[in-house]
Amino acid sequence: MTGQSLLDSDGRALPLPPDPLSPVPDEVERGLAAYRAGDAPEARALLATIAGTGRTTVSGHAAMALAGIELGENGLGGSC
C-alpha cells in the first residue's frame, strides 16, 4: 500500500488515471462528456444503453464508466 489516499478530502473516491493502453471508445467518451458537463442522468442513460449491449470491449468500458460515476456521486457506501 502506498502513502496516497484513495479518497478525497470529502471522503469520496478519487478517480483512477486513464489506462494508456486502452483508449476510451468514442461512444463511451460521449457519455463521459455529458457527465463532465453536469448531466449525470443523460450520462447514465447513454452508458447504460451501451453497457447493456453485451460482452464487448465497448460495453465493458461503459460499465466501468457507470461504476466510476456511481463512486463519484455516492462514494463507497452501501448502495455501491
N, C-alpha and C. Protein backbone atom coordinates (compact mmCIF):
# COMPACT_ATOMS: atom_id res chain seq x y z
N MET A 1 0.85 -1.18 0.00
CA MET A 1 0.00 0.00 0.00
C MET A 1 0.89 1.23 0.00
N THR A 2 0.51 2.21 -0.77
CA THR A 2 1.28 3.44 -0.82
C THR A 2 0.75 4.41 0.22
N GLY A 3 1.45 5.52 0.37
CA GLY A 3 1.03 6.54 1.31
C GLY A 3 -0.08 7.42 0.77
N GLN A 4 -0.50 7.19 -0.49
CA GLN A 4 -1.54 8.01 -1.08
C GLN A 4 -2.92 7.49 -0.70
N SER A 5 -3.82 8.42 -0.43
CA SER A 5 -5.19 8.06 -0.08
C SER A 5 -6.01 7.78 -1.33
N LEU A 6 -6.98 6.88 -1.21
CA LEU A 6 -7.90 6.59 -2.29
C LEU A 6 -9.14 7.48 -2.24
N LEU A 7 -9.21 8.34 -1.20
CA LEU A 7 -10.37 9.21 -1.01
C LEU A 7 -9.94 10.67 -1.03
N ASP A 8 -10.85 11.54 -1.49
CA ASP A 8 -10.54 12.97 -1.47
C ASP A 8 -10.86 13.53 -0.09
N SER A 9 -10.74 14.82 0.08
CA SER A 9 -10.95 15.44 1.39
C SER A 9 -12.39 15.33 1.88
N ASP A 10 -13.36 15.08 0.97
CA ASP A 10 -14.75 14.91 1.35
C ASP A 10 -15.11 13.44 1.57
N GLY A 11 -14.14 12.55 1.44
CA GLY A 11 -14.39 11.13 1.65
C GLY A 11 -14.89 10.40 0.41
N ARG A 12 -14.89 11.07 -0.74
CA ARG A 12 -15.32 10.43 -1.98
C ARG A 12 -14.12 9.79 -2.67
N ALA A 13 -14.38 8.73 -3.40
CA ALA A 13 -13.31 8.02 -4.10
C ALA A 13 -12.68 8.89 -5.16
N LEU A 14 -11.37 8.86 -5.22
CA LEU A 14 -10.64 9.58 -6.26
C LEU A 14 -10.69 8.75 -7.54
N PRO A 15 -10.82 9.38 -8.71
CA PRO A 15 -10.85 8.62 -9.96
C PRO A 15 -9.50 8.01 -10.26
N LEU A 16 -9.53 6.87 -10.91
CA LEU A 16 -8.30 6.24 -11.34
C LEU A 16 -7.78 6.95 -12.58
N PRO A 17 -6.49 6.95 -12.79
CA PRO A 17 -5.97 7.58 -14.01
C PRO A 17 -6.39 6.77 -15.23
N PRO A 18 -6.48 7.40 -16.38
CA PRO A 18 -6.88 6.66 -17.58
C PRO A 18 -5.84 5.60 -17.93
N ASP A 19 -6.30 4.54 -18.54
CA ASP A 19 -5.44 3.44 -18.96
C ASP A 19 -4.79 3.82 -20.28
N PRO A 20 -3.48 4.03 -20.31
CA PRO A 20 -2.84 4.48 -21.55
C PRO A 20 -2.82 3.42 -22.65
N LEU A 21 -3.04 2.17 -22.31
CA LEU A 21 -3.01 1.11 -23.31
C LEU A 21 -4.36 0.82 -23.92
N SER A 22 -5.40 1.32 -23.32
CA SER A 22 -6.74 1.02 -23.80
C SER A 22 -7.56 2.31 -23.84
N PRO A 23 -7.55 3.03 -24.95
CA PRO A 23 -8.28 4.30 -25.01
C PRO A 23 -9.79 4.10 -24.87
N VAL A 24 -10.43 5.10 -24.34
CA VAL A 24 -11.88 5.05 -24.15
C VAL A 24 -12.55 5.18 -25.53
N PRO A 25 -13.45 4.24 -25.85
CA PRO A 25 -14.15 4.33 -27.14
C PRO A 25 -14.96 5.61 -27.26
N ASP A 26 -15.13 6.08 -28.49
CA ASP A 26 -15.86 7.33 -28.73
C ASP A 26 -17.26 7.32 -28.14
N GLU A 27 -17.96 6.19 -28.25
CA GLU A 27 -19.33 6.11 -27.74
C GLU A 27 -19.35 6.35 -26.23
N VAL A 28 -18.39 5.77 -25.53
CA VAL A 28 -18.32 5.93 -24.08
C VAL A 28 -17.88 7.35 -23.74
N GLU A 29 -16.97 7.88 -24.51
CA GLU A 29 -16.50 9.25 -24.27
C GLU A 29 -17.65 10.25 -24.35
N ARG A 30 -18.62 10.02 -25.24
CA ARG A 30 -19.79 10.92 -25.32
C ARG A 30 -20.57 10.89 -24.01
N GLY A 31 -20.73 9.71 -23.42
CA GLY A 31 -21.41 9.62 -22.13
C GLY A 31 -20.63 10.32 -21.03
N LEU A 32 -19.32 10.13 -21.04
CA LEU A 32 -18.49 10.80 -20.03
C LEU A 32 -18.50 12.31 -20.22
N ALA A 33 -18.56 12.76 -21.46
CA ALA A 33 -18.62 14.20 -21.72
C ALA A 33 -19.91 14.79 -21.16
N ALA A 34 -21.01 14.06 -21.28
CA ALA A 34 -22.28 14.52 -20.70
C ALA A 34 -22.15 14.63 -19.18
N TYR A 35 -21.49 13.67 -18.56
CA TYR A 35 -21.29 13.71 -17.11
C TYR A 35 -20.43 14.91 -16.72
N ARG A 36 -19.34 15.12 -17.45
CA ARG A 36 -18.46 16.25 -17.16
C ARG A 36 -19.18 17.59 -17.34
N ALA A 37 -20.17 17.62 -18.22
CA ALA A 37 -20.94 18.84 -18.46
C ALA A 37 -22.03 19.03 -17.41
N GLY A 38 -22.15 18.09 -16.48
CA GLY A 38 -23.12 18.22 -15.40
C GLY A 38 -24.43 17.51 -15.62
N ASP A 39 -24.53 16.71 -16.67
CA ASP A 39 -25.78 16.00 -16.97
C ASP A 39 -25.63 14.51 -16.63
N ALA A 40 -25.62 14.22 -15.33
CA ALA A 40 -25.44 12.84 -14.88
C ALA A 40 -26.56 11.91 -15.37
N PRO A 41 -27.84 12.32 -15.36
CA PRO A 41 -28.88 11.42 -15.86
C PRO A 41 -28.68 11.03 -17.32
N GLU A 42 -28.31 12.00 -18.15
CA GLU A 42 -28.06 11.71 -19.57
C GLU A 42 -26.87 10.77 -19.72
N ALA A 43 -25.82 11.03 -18.95
CA ALA A 43 -24.63 10.17 -19.00
C ALA A 43 -24.98 8.74 -18.61
N ARG A 44 -25.73 8.61 -17.52
CA ARG A 44 -26.13 7.25 -17.08
C ARG A 44 -26.96 6.55 -18.15
N ALA A 45 -27.89 7.27 -18.78
CA ALA A 45 -28.74 6.67 -19.80
C ALA A 45 -27.91 6.20 -21.00
N LEU A 46 -27.01 7.06 -21.47
CA LEU A 46 -26.16 6.69 -22.60
C LEU A 46 -25.28 5.50 -22.27
N LEU A 47 -24.63 5.55 -21.13
CA LEU A 47 -23.71 4.49 -20.75
C LEU A 47 -24.42 3.18 -20.43
N ALA A 48 -25.60 3.26 -19.82
CA ALA A 48 -26.36 2.03 -19.52
C ALA A 48 -26.79 1.34 -20.81
N THR A 49 -27.17 2.12 -21.81
CA THR A 49 -27.56 1.54 -23.10
C THR A 49 -26.38 0.81 -23.72
N ILE A 50 -25.22 1.43 -23.70
CA ILE A 50 -24.01 0.82 -24.28
C ILE A 50 -23.61 -0.41 -23.47
N ALA A 51 -23.62 -0.30 -22.15
CA ALA A 51 -23.21 -1.41 -21.30
C ALA A 51 -24.12 -2.62 -21.46
N GLY A 52 -25.39 -2.36 -21.77
CA GLY A 52 -26.35 -3.45 -21.91
C GLY A 52 -26.31 -4.17 -23.25
N THR A 53 -25.42 -3.75 -24.14
CA THR A 53 -25.38 -4.36 -25.47
C THR A 53 -24.70 -5.71 -25.51
N GLY A 54 -23.98 -6.06 -24.49
CA GLY A 54 -23.36 -7.38 -24.49
C GLY A 54 -21.93 -7.36 -24.03
N ARG A 55 -21.27 -8.46 -24.26
CA ARG A 55 -19.89 -8.64 -23.80
C ARG A 55 -18.91 -8.19 -24.87
N THR A 56 -18.73 -6.89 -24.96
CA THR A 56 -17.76 -6.33 -25.89
C THR A 56 -16.84 -5.39 -25.11
N THR A 57 -15.76 -5.00 -25.73
CA THR A 57 -14.85 -4.05 -25.09
C THR A 57 -15.56 -2.74 -24.81
N VAL A 58 -16.37 -2.30 -25.76
CA VAL A 58 -17.09 -1.03 -25.59
C VAL A 58 -18.07 -1.12 -24.43
N SER A 59 -18.81 -2.21 -24.33
CA SER A 59 -19.77 -2.35 -23.22
C SER A 59 -19.04 -2.44 -21.89
N GLY A 60 -17.86 -3.05 -21.89
CA GLY A 60 -17.06 -3.10 -20.66
C GLY A 60 -16.59 -1.73 -20.22
N HIS A 61 -16.16 -0.92 -21.18
CA HIS A 61 -15.78 0.46 -20.88
C HIS A 61 -16.97 1.23 -20.32
N ALA A 62 -18.14 1.04 -20.93
CA ALA A 62 -19.34 1.75 -20.47
C ALA A 62 -19.69 1.33 -19.04
N ALA A 63 -19.59 0.04 -18.75
CA ALA A 63 -19.88 -0.44 -17.39
C ALA A 63 -18.90 0.15 -16.38
N MET A 64 -17.63 0.23 -16.77
CA MET A 64 -16.64 0.83 -15.87
C MET A 64 -16.92 2.32 -15.66
N ALA A 65 -17.35 3.01 -16.72
CA ALA A 65 -17.68 4.42 -16.60
C ALA A 65 -18.88 4.62 -15.68
N LEU A 66 -19.88 3.75 -15.81
CA LEU A 66 -21.04 3.83 -14.90
C LEU A 66 -20.62 3.62 -13.45
N ALA A 67 -19.73 2.66 -13.24
CA ALA A 67 -19.23 2.41 -11.88
C ALA A 67 -18.49 3.64 -11.36
N GLY A 68 -17.70 4.27 -12.23
CA GLY A 68 -16.99 5.49 -11.82
C GLY A 68 -17.93 6.61 -11.45
N ILE A 69 -19.00 6.76 -12.22
CA ILE A 69 -20.00 7.79 -11.90
C ILE A 69 -20.65 7.48 -10.56
N GLU A 70 -21.03 6.24 -10.35
CA GLU A 70 -21.64 5.83 -9.08
C GLU A 70 -20.71 6.12 -7.91
N LEU A 71 -19.44 5.76 -8.04
CA LEU A 71 -18.48 6.03 -6.97
C LEU A 71 -18.31 7.54 -6.76
N GLY A 72 -18.24 8.28 -7.86
CA GLY A 72 -18.07 9.72 -7.75
C GLY A 72 -19.25 10.41 -7.11
N GLU A 73 -20.45 9.93 -7.41
CA GLU A 73 -21.67 10.56 -6.88
C GLU A 73 -21.99 10.10 -5.46
N ASN A 74 -21.79 8.80 -5.19
CA ASN A 74 -22.27 8.23 -3.92
C ASN A 74 -21.19 7.69 -3.02
N GLY A 75 -19.94 7.70 -3.47
CA GLY A 75 -18.85 7.19 -2.64
C GLY A 75 -18.92 5.69 -2.47
N LEU A 76 -18.28 5.20 -1.46
CA LEU A 76 -18.19 3.76 -1.23
C LEU A 76 -19.22 3.28 -0.20
N GLY A 77 -20.42 3.83 -0.26
CA GLY A 77 -21.47 3.47 0.69
C GLY A 77 -22.13 2.14 0.36
N GLY A 78 -23.20 1.84 1.06
CA GLY A 78 -23.90 0.58 0.92
C GLY A 78 -24.48 0.33 -0.47
N SER A 79 -24.97 1.37 -1.15
CA SER A 79 -25.57 1.16 -2.46
C SER A 79 -24.54 0.77 -3.50
N CYS A 80 -23.30 1.15 -3.27
CA CYS A 80 -22.23 0.83 -4.21
C CYS A 80 -21.92 -0.64 -4.13
